[in-house]
PDB file of N, CA and C in Angstrom:
ATOM      1  N   MET A   1     196.001 147.443 137.583  1.00  0.00           N
ATOM      2  CA  MET A   1     194.725 147.972 137.155  1.00  0.00           C
ATOM      3  C   MET A   1     194.773 149.487 136.958  1.00  0.00           C
ATOM      4  N   ASP A   2     195.796 150.139 137.452  1.00  0.00           N
ATOM      5  CA  ASP A   2     195.902 151.582 137.324  1.00  0.00           C
ATOM      6  C   ASP A   2     196.123 152.021 135.888  1.00  0.00           C
ATOM      7  N   ASP A   3     196.547 151.121 135.009  1.00  0.00           N
ATOM      8  CA  ASP A   3     196.797 151.494 133.620  1.00  0.00           C
ATOM      9  C   ASP A   3     195.550 151.359 132.750  1.00  0.00           C
ATOM     10  N   GLN A   4     194.398 151.073 133.353  1.00  0.00           N
ATOM     11  CA  GLN A   4     193.165 150.959 132.586  1.00  0.00           C
ATOM     12  C   GLN A   4     192.644 152.348 132.227  1.00  0.00           C
ATOM     13  N   PRO A   5     191.968 152.460 131.078  1.00  0.00           N
ATOM     14  CA  PRO A   5     191.383 153.757 130.712  1.00  0.00           C
ATOM     15  C   PRO A   5     190.381 154.227 131.765  1.00  0.00           C
ATOM     16  N   GLU A   6     190.201 155.525 131.826  1.00  0.00           N
ATOM     17  CA  GLU A   6     189.267 156.132 132.775  1.00  0.00           C
ATOM     18  C   GLU A   6     187.861 155.559 132.614  1.00  0.00           C
ATOM     19  N   GLU A   7     187.453 155.295 131.370  1.00  0.00           N
ATOM     20  CA  GLU A   7     186.120 154.748 131.130  1.00  0.00           C
ATOM     21  C   GLU A   7     185.935 153.399 131.808  1.00  0.00           C
ATOM     22  N   VAL A   8     186.970 152.564 131.760  1.00  0.00           N
ATOM     23  CA  VAL A   8     186.908 151.236 132.374  1.00  0.00           C
ATOM     24  C   VAL A   8     186.773 151.372 133.891  1.00  0.00           C
ATOM     25  N   ARG A   9     187.529 152.272 134.471  1.00  0.00           N
ATOM     26  CA  ARG A   9     187.457 152.499 135.919  1.00  0.00           C
ATOM     27  C   ARG A   9     186.052 152.946 136.320  1.00  0.00           C
ATOM     28  N   ARG A  10     185.473 153.869 135.552  1.00  0.00           N
ATOM     29  CA  ARG A  10     184.135 154.369 135.884  1.00  0.00           C
ATOM     30  C   ARG A  10     183.082 153.283 135.760  1.00  0.00           C
ATOM     31  N   VAL A  11     183.190 152.437 134.752  1.00  0.00           N
ATOM     32  CA  VAL A  11     182.226 151.344 134.587  1.00  0.00           C
ATOM     33  C   VAL A  11     182.334 150.377 135.756  1.00  0.00           C
ATOM     34  N   ARG A  12     183.552 150.033 136.129  1.00  0.00           N
ATOM     35  CA  ARG A  12     183.753 149.109 137.245  1.00  0.00           C
ATOM     36  C   ARG A  12     183.167 149.681 138.540  1.00  0.00           C
ATOM     37  N   GLU A  13     183.357 150.968 138.760  1.00  0.00           N
ATOM     38  CA  GLU A  13     182.806 151.610 139.949  1.00  0.00           C
ATOM     39  C   GLU A  13     181.277 151.605 139.919  1.00  0.00           C
ATOM     40  N   ALA A  14     180.704 151.856 138.752  1.00  0.00           N
ATOM     41  CA  ALA A  14     179.243 151.851 138.626  1.00  0.00           C
ATOM     42  C   ALA A  14     178.682 150.465 138.904  1.00  0.00           C
ATOM     43  N   ILE A  15     179.333 149.438 138.403  1.00  0.00           N
ATOM     44  CA  ILE A  15     178.880 148.069 138.653  1.00  0.00           C
ATOM     45  C   ILE A  15     178.957 147.758 140.148  1.00  0.00           C
ATOM     46  N   ALA A  16     180.040 148.153 140.767  1.00  0.00           N
ATOM     47  CA  ALA A  16     180.210 147.882 142.195  1.00  0.00           C
ATOM     48  C   ALA A  16     179.157 148.586 143.040  1.00  0.00           C
ATOM     49  N   ALA A  17     178.616 149.692 142.540  1.00  0.00           N
ATOM     50  CA  ALA A  17     177.642 150.467 143.303  1.00  0.00           C
ATOM     51  C   ALA A  17     176.208 149.975 143.149  1.00  0.00           C
ATOM     52  N   VAL A  18     175.963 149.033 142.257  1.00  0.00           N
ATOM     53  CA  VAL A  18     174.591 148.570 142.012  1.00  0.00           C
ATOM     54  C   VAL A  18     174.082 147.770 143.202  1.00  0.00           C
ATOM     55  N   ALA A  19     173.037 148.246 143.809  1.00  0.00           N
ATOM     56  CA  ALA A  19     172.276 147.514 144.814  1.00  0.00           C
ATOM     57  C   ALA A  19     173.127 146.900 145.920  1.00  0.00           C
ATOM     58  N   VAL A  20     174.036 147.662 146.456  1.00  0.00           N
ATOM     59  CA  VAL A  20     174.920 147.112 147.488  1.00  0.00           C
ATOM     60  C   VAL A  20     174.206 146.807 148.804  1.00  0.00           C
ATOM     61  N   ASP A  21     173.099 147.484 149.066  1.00  0.00           N
ATOM     62  CA  ASP A  21     172.416 147.327 150.352  1.00  0.00           C
ATOM     63  C   ASP A  21     171.100 146.560 150.250  1.00  0.00           C
ATOM     64  N   VAL A  22     171.026 145.606 149.330  1.00  0.00           N
ATOM     65  CA  VAL A  22     169.808 144.806 149.189  1.00  0.00           C
ATOM     66  C   VAL A  22     170.157 143.325 149.301  1.00  0.00           C
ATOM     67  N   ALA A  23     169.130 142.528 149.458  1.00  0.00           N
ATOM     68  CA  ALA A  23     169.323 141.076 149.575  1.00  0.00           C
ATOM     69  C   ALA A  23     169.990 140.533 148.308  1.00  0.00           C
ATOM     70  N   PRO A  24     170.733 139.441 148.430  1.00  0.00           N
ATOM     71  CA  PRO A  24     171.462 138.890 147.278  1.00  0.00           C
ATOM     72  C   PRO A  24     170.604 138.621 146.049  1.00  0.00           C
ATOM     73  N   ALA A  25     169.397 138.077 146.231  1.00  0.00           N
ATOM     74  CA  ALA A  25     168.545 137.783 145.073  1.00  0.00           C
ATOM     75  C   ALA A  25     168.140 139.068 144.356  1.00  0.00           C
ATOM     76  N   GLU A  26     167.780 140.074 145.121  1.00  0.00           N
ATOM     77  CA  GLU A  26     167.404 141.358 144.515  1.00  0.00           C
ATOM     78  C   GLU A  26     168.615 142.005 143.856  1.00  0.00           C
ATOM     79  N   ARG A  27     169.765 141.907 144.483  1.00  0.00           N
ATOM     80  CA  ARG A  27     170.994 142.448 143.897  1.00  0.00           C
ATOM     81  C   ARG A  27     171.286 141.772 142.564  1.00  0.00           C
ATOM     82  N   ALA A  28     171.129 140.453 142.505  1.00  0.00           N
ATOM     83  CA  ALA A  28     171.354 139.706 141.265  1.00  0.00           C
ATOM     84  C   ALA A  28     170.394 140.171 140.179  1.00  0.00           C
ATOM     85  N   ARG A  29     169.123 140.356 140.526  1.00  0.00           N
ATOM     86  CA  ARG A  29     168.141 140.835 139.541  1.00  0.00           C
ATOM     87  C   ARG A  29     168.511 142.219 139.019  1.00  0.00           C
ATOM     88  N   ARG A  30     168.875 143.100 139.932  1.00  0.00           N
ATOM     89  CA  ARG A  30     169.231 144.462 139.527  1.00  0.00           C
ATOM     90  C   ARG A  30     170.499 144.478 138.675  1.00  0.00           C
ATOM     91  N   LEU A  31     171.452 143.636 139.019  1.00  0.00           N
ATOM     92  CA  LEU A  31     172.678 143.549 138.208  1.00  0.00           C
ATOM     93  C   LEU A  31     172.362 143.033 136.807  1.00  0.00           C
ATOM     94  N   ASP A  32     171.468 142.053 136.714  1.00  0.00           N
ATOM     95  CA  ASP A  32     171.066 141.546 135.399  1.00  0.00           C
ATOM     96  C   ASP A  32     170.420 142.650 134.559  1.00  0.00           C
ATOM     97  N   LYS A  33     169.536 143.430 135.168  1.00  0.00           N
ATOM     98  CA  LYS A  33     168.877 144.518 134.442  1.00  0.00           C
ATOM     99  C   LYS A  33     169.888 145.578 134.014  1.00  0.00           C
ATOM    100  N   ALA A  34     170.799 145.914 134.912  1.00  0.00           N
ATOM    101  CA  ALA A  34     171.818 146.913 134.585  1.00  0.00           C
ATOM    102  C   ALA A  34     172.721 146.414 133.465  1.00  0.00           C
ATOM    103  N   MET A  35     173.074 145.133 133.505  1.00  0.00           N
ATOM    104  CA  MET A  35     173.936 144.554 132.477  1.00  0.00           C
ATOM    105  C   MET A  35     173.255 144.578 131.118  1.00  0.00           C
ATOM    106  N   GLU A  36     171.990 144.234 131.064  1.00  0.00           N
ATOM    107  CA  GLU A  36     171.274 144.229 129.789  1.00  0.00           C
ATOM    108  C   GLU A  36     171.161 145.646 129.223  1.00  0.00           C
ATOM    109  N   ALA A  37     170.880 146.609 130.075  1.00  0.00           N
ATOM    110  CA  ALA A  37     170.793 147.995 129.615  1.00  0.00           C
ATOM    111  C   ALA A  37     172.144 148.475 129.089  1.00  0.00           C
ATOM    112  N   ALA A  38     173.203 148.138 129.804  1.00  0.00           N
ATOM    113  CA  ALA A  38     174.545 148.522 129.369  1.00  0.00           C
ATOM    114  C   ALA A  38     174.915 147.832 128.059  1.00  0.00           C
ATOM    115  N   ARG A  39     174.539 146.575 127.924  1.00  0.00           N
ATOM    116  CA  ARG A  39     174.838 145.808 126.712  1.00  0.00           C
ATOM    117  C   ARG A  39     174.161 146.428 125.495  1.00  0.00           C
ATOM    118  N   GLN A  40     172.909 146.816 125.642  1.00  0.00           N
ATOM    119  CA  GLN A  40     172.185 147.434 124.536  1.00  0.00           C
ATOM    120  C   GLN A  40     172.841 148.762 124.132  1.00  0.00           C
ATOM    121  N   GLU A  41     173.202 149.559 125.108  1.00  0.00           N
ATOM    122  CA  GLU A  41     173.842 150.847 124.817  1.00  0.00           C
ATOM    123  C   GLU A  41     175.200 150.640 124.171  1.00  0.00           C
ATOM    124  N   TRP A  42     175.961 149.659 124.651  1.00  0.00           N
ATOM    125  CA  TRP A  42     177.272 149.341 124.094  1.00  0.00           C
ATOM    126  C   TRP A  42     177.145 148.930 122.627  1.00  0.00           C
ATOM    127  N   ARG A  43     176.188 148.053 122.335  1.00  0.00           N
ATOM    128  CA  ARG A  43     175.983 147.590 120.960  1.00  0.00           C
ATOM    129  C   ARG A  43     175.617 148.764 120.044  1.00  0.00           C
ATOM    130  N   LYS A  44     174.754 149.642 120.532  1.00  0.00           N
ATOM    131  CA  LYS A  44     174.337 150.799 119.742  1.00  0.00           C
ATOM    132  C   LYS A  44     175.533 151.696 119.430  1.00  0.00           C
ATOM    133  N   ARG A  45     176.311 152.011 120.429  1.00  0.00           N
ATOM    134  CA  ARG A  45     177.460 152.905 120.240  1.00  0.00           C
ATOM    135  C   ARG A  45     178.552 152.255 119.388  1.00  0.00           C
ATOM    136  N   ARG A  46     178.750 150.951 119.546  1.00  0.00           N
ATOM    137  CA  ARG A  46     179.731 150.236 118.719  1.00  0.00           C
ATOM    138  C   ARG A  46     179.299 150.286 117.263  1.00  0.00           C
ATOM    139  N   ARG A  47     178.021 150.032 117.012  1.00  0.00           N
ATOM    140  CA  ARG A  47     177.516 150.065 115.644  1.00  0.00           C
ATOM    141  C   ARG A  47     177.698 151.456 115.046  1.00  0.00           C
ATOM    142  N   GLU A  48     177.398 152.493 115.814  1.00  0.00           N
ATOM    143  CA  GLU A  48     177.573 153.861 115.345  1.00  0.00           C
ATOM    144  C   GLU A  48     179.029 154.141 114.981  1.00  0.00           C
ATOM    145  N   ALA A  49     179.960 153.680 115.807  1.00  0.00           N
ATOM    146  CA  ALA A  49     181.378 153.902 115.542  1.00  0.00           C
ATOM    147  C   ALA A  49     181.821 153.180 114.275  1.00  0.00           C
ATOM    148  N   VAL A  50     181.379 151.927 114.109  1.00  0.00           N
ATOM    149  CA  VAL A  50     181.737 151.162 112.916  1.00  0.00           C
ATOM    150  C   VAL A  50     181.097 151.795 111.684  1.00  0.00           C
ATOM    151  N   GLN A  51     179.858 152.235 111.802  1.00  0.00           N
ATOM    152  CA  GLN A  51     179.194 152.899 110.679  1.00  0.00           C
ATOM    153  C   GLN A  51     179.931 154.180 110.309  1.00  0.00           C
ATOM    154  N   GLU A  52     180.401 154.913 111.289  1.00  0.00           N
ATOM    155  CA  GLU A  52     181.152 156.144 111.033  1.00  0.00           C
ATOM    156  C   GLU A  52     182.441 155.828 110.272  1.00  0.00           C
ATOM    157  N   MET A  53     183.114 154.748 110.652  1.00  0.00           N
ATOM    158  CA  MET A  53     184.325 154.339 109.930  1.00  0.00           C
ATOM    159  C   MET A  53     183.991 154.048 108.467  1.00  0.00           C
ATOM    160  N   LYS A  54     182.885 153.352 108.252  1.00  0.00           N
ATOM    161  CA  LYS A  54     182.450 153.018 106.893  1.00  0.00           C
ATOM    162  C   LYS A  54     182.082 154.289 106.128  1.00  0.00           C
ATOM    163  N   ASP A  55     181.342 155.182 106.771  1.00  0.00           N
ATOM    164  CA  ASP A  55     180.948 156.444 106.131  1.00  0.00           C
ATOM    165  C   ASP A  55     182.161 157.310 105.783  1.00  0.00           C
ATOM    166  N   ASP A  56     183.234 157.164 106.543  1.00  0.00           N
ATOM    167  CA  ASP A  56     184.466 157.907 106.274  1.00  0.00           C
ATOM    168  C   ASP A  56     185.270 157.299 105.135  1.00  0.00           C
ATOM    169  N   GLY A  57     184.738 156.207 104.542  1.00  0.00           N
ATOM    170  CA  GLY A  57     185.369 155.632 103.363  1.00  0.00           C
ATOM    171  C   GLY A  57     186.157 154.354 103.581  1.00  0.00           C
ATOM    172  N   MET A  58     186.181 153.855 104.804  1.00  0.00           N
ATOM    173  CA  MET A  58     186.904 152.610 105.046  1.00  0.00           C
ATOM    174  C   MET A  58     186.108 151.431 104.499  1.00  0.00           C
ATOM    175  N   THR A  59     186.807 150.462 103.944  1.00  0.00           N
ATOM    176  CA  THR A  59     186.146 149.234 103.513  1.00  0.00           C
ATOM    177  C   THR A  59     185.875 148.370 104.740  1.00  0.00           C
ATOM    178  N   LEU A  60     184.978 147.403 104.568  1.00  0.00           N
ATOM    179  CA  LEU A  60     184.690 146.503 105.683  1.00  0.00           C
ATOM    180  C   LEU A  60     185.937 145.711 106.070  1.00  0.00           C
ATOM    181  N   ARG A  61     186.742 145.341 105.086  1.00  0.00           N
ATOM    182  CA  ARG A  61     187.983 144.608 105.380  1.00  0.00           C
ATOM    183  C   ARG A  61     188.973 145.486 106.149  1.00  0.00           C
ATOM    184  N   ALA A  62     189.049 146.757 105.792  1.00  0.00           N
ATOM    185  CA  ALA A  62     189.940 147.677 106.514  1.00  0.00           C
ATOM    186  C   ALA A  62     189.458 147.890 107.951  1.00  0.00           C
ATOM    187  N   ILE A  63     188.144 147.992 108.116  1.00  0.00           N
ATOM    188  CA  ILE A  63     187.586 148.132 109.466  1.00  0.00           C
ATOM    189  C   ILE A  63     187.902 146.896 110.287  1.00  0.00           C
ATOM    190  N   ALA A  64     187.719 145.731 109.679  1.00  0.00           N
ATOM    191  CA  ALA A  64     188.007 144.470 110.378  1.00  0.00           C
ATOM    192  C   ALA A  64     189.463 144.435 110.835  1.00  0.00           C
ATOM    193  N   LYS A  65     190.350 144.827 109.958  1.00  0.00           N
ATOM    194  CA  LYS A  65     191.780 144.818 110.311  1.00  0.00           C
ATOM    195  C   LYS A  65     192.067 145.816 111.431  1.00  0.00           C
ATOM    196  N   GLU A  66     191.503 147.002 111.312  1.00  0.00           N
ATOM    197  CA  GLU A  66     191.714 148.042 112.323  1.00  0.00           C
ATOM    198  C   GLU A  66     191.216 147.603 113.701  1.00  0.00           C
ATOM    199  N   LEU A  67     190.080 146.908 113.731  1.00  0.00           N
ATOM    200  CA  LEU A  67     189.486 146.492 115.002  1.00  0.00           C
ATOM    201  C   LEU A  67     189.922 145.099 115.439  1.00  0.00           C
ATOM    202  N   ASP A  68     190.686 144.431 114.603  1.00  0.00           N
ATOM    203  CA  ASP A  68     191.171 143.081 114.872  1.00  0.00           C
ATOM    204  C   ASP A  68     190.009 142.108 115.087  1.00  0.00           C
ATOM    205  N   ILE A  69     189.034 142.220 114.176  1.00  0.00           N
ATOM    206  CA  ILE A  69     187.899 141.306 114.164  1.00  0.00           C
ATOM    207  C   ILE A  69     187.716 140.817 112.729  1.00  0.00           C
ATOM    208  N   SER A  70     186.875 139.829 112.537  1.00  0.00           N
ATOM    209  CA  SER A  70     186.686 139.288 111.198  1.00  0.00           C
ATOM    210  C   SER A  70     185.805 140.199 110.344  1.00  0.00           C
ATOM    211  N   PHE A  71     185.970 140.062 109.035  1.00  0.00           N
ATOM    212  CA  PHE A  71     185.131 140.765 108.073  1.00  0.00           C
ATOM    213  C   PHE A  71     183.658 140.453 108.332  1.00  0.00           C
ATOM    214  N   GLY A  72     183.348 139.185 108.572  1.00  0.00           N
ATOM    215  CA  GLY A  72     181.977 138.779 108.853  1.00  0.00           C
ATOM    216  C   GLY A  72     181.419 139.443 110.096  1.00  0.00           C
ATOM    217  N   ARG A  73     182.271 139.626 111.107  1.00  0.00           N
ATOM    218  CA  ARG A  73     181.817 140.280 112.345  1.00  0.00           C
ATOM    219  C   ARG A  73     181.488 141.743 112.075  1.00  0.00           C
ATOM    220  N   VAL A  74     182.286 142.394 111.238  1.00  0.00           N
ATOM    221  CA  VAL A  74     181.996 143.785 110.883  1.00  0.00           C
ATOM    222  C   VAL A  74     180.633 143.867 110.203  1.00  0.00           C
ATOM    223  N   ARG A  75     180.385 142.984 109.245  1.00  0.00           N
ATOM    224  CA  ARG A  75     179.080 142.958 108.566  1.00  0.00           C
ATOM    225  C   ARG A  75     177.961 142.724 109.567  1.00  0.00           C
ATOM    226  N   GLN A  76     178.174 141.817 110.497  1.00  0.00           N
ATOM    227  CA  GLN A  76     177.148 141.522 111.503  1.00  0.00           C
ATOM    228  C   GLN A  76     176.860 142.758 112.367  1.00  0.00           C
ATOM    229  N   ILE A  77     177.900 143.433 112.798  1.00  0.00           N
ATOM    230  CA  ILE A  77     177.731 144.632 113.623  1.00  0.00           C
ATOM    231  C   ILE A  77     176.902 145.676 112.877  1.00  0.00           C
ATOM    232  N   LEU A  78     177.192 145.842 111.589  1.00  0.00           N
ATOM    233  CA  LEU A  78     176.495 146.858 110.806  1.00  0.00           C
ATOM    234  C   LEU A  78     175.045 146.504 110.525  1.00  0.00           C
ATOM    235  N   THR A  79     174.702 145.242 110.573  1.00  0.00           N
ATOM    236  CA  THR A  79     173.324 144.844 110.267  1.00  0.00           C
ATOM    237  C   THR A  79     172.486 144.530 111.492  1.00  0.00           C
ATOM    238  N   GLU A  80     173.107 144.403 112.659  1.00  0.00           N
ATOM    239  CA  GLU A  80     172.312 144.067 113.839  1.00  0.00           C
ATOM    240  C   GLU A  80     171.536 145.281 114.328  1.00  0.00           C
ATOM    241  N   ASP A  81     170.422 145.007 114.948  1.00  0.00           N
ATOM    242  CA  ASP A  81     169.574 146.046 115.503  1.00  0.00           C
ATOM    243  C   ASP A  81     169.842 146.134 116.998  1.00  0.00           C
ATOM    244  N   PRO A  82     170.586 147.138 117.455  1.00  0.00           N
ATOM    245  CA  PRO A  82     170.928 147.222 118.876  1.00  0.00           C
ATOM    246  C   PRO A  82     169.741 147.495 119.779  1.00  0.00           C
ATOM    247  N   ASP A  83     168.642 147.936 119.201  1.00  0.00           N
ATOM    248  CA  ASP A  83     167.454 148.231 120.004  1.00  0.00           C
ATOM    249  C   ASP A  83     166.511 147.031 120.119  1.00  0.00           C
ATOM    250  N   ALA A  84     166.821 145.957 119.399  1.00  0.00           N
ATOM    251  CA  ALA A  84     165.969 144.765 119.461  1.00  0.00           C
ATOM    252  C   ALA A  84     166.096 144.124 120.828  1.00  0.00           C
ATOM    253  N   LEU A  85     164.989 143.686 121.354  1.00  0.00           N
ATOM    254  CA  LEU A  85     165.006 143.025 122.660  1.00  0.00           C
ATOM    255  C   LEU A  85     165.513 141.598 122.498  1.00  0.00           C
ATOM    256  N   PRO A  86     166.352 141.147 123.417  1.00  0.00           N
ATOM    257  CA  PRO A  86     166.819 139.758 123.350  1.00  0.00           C
ATOM    258  C   PRO A  86     165.658 138.811 123.631  1.00  0.00           C
ATOM    259  N   SER A  87     165.725 137.634 123.043  1.00  0.00           N
ATOM    260  CA  SER A  87     164.650 136.675 123.264  1.00  0.00           C
ATOM    261  C   SER A  87     164.781 136.060 124.651  1.00  0.00           C
ATOM    262  N   GLU A  88     163.669 135.821 125.268  1.00  0.00           N
ATOM    263  CA  GLU A  88     163.628 135.169 126.587  1.00  0.00           C
ATOM    264  C   GLU A  88     163.834 133.673 126.389  1.00  0.00           C
ATOM    265  N   GLU A  89     164.692 133.087 127.188  1.00  0.00           N
ATOM    266  CA  GLU A  89     164.909 131.639 127.090  1.00  0.00           C
ATOM    267  C   GLU A  89     164.297 130.921 128.245  1.00  0.00           C
TER     268      GLU A  89
END
């Protein structure tokens, strides 16, 4: 695990620090809230990075190849709204 990027180490430490001194049910709720907030921020920043690649002149196919994802996934990333609230199930 020592070969992980510094960002990964910091995220893991932040997750481990969430609600360590509360009851399990409350800890689970707080972890869920923290995860959703992190997910929204991650999606926003990923979209910004992909948009920047596109603005720099890369084609969607070139971006897909660079990121090792499908062309369709690149299109989806560029069109999704990272600020949209997930639907409650």
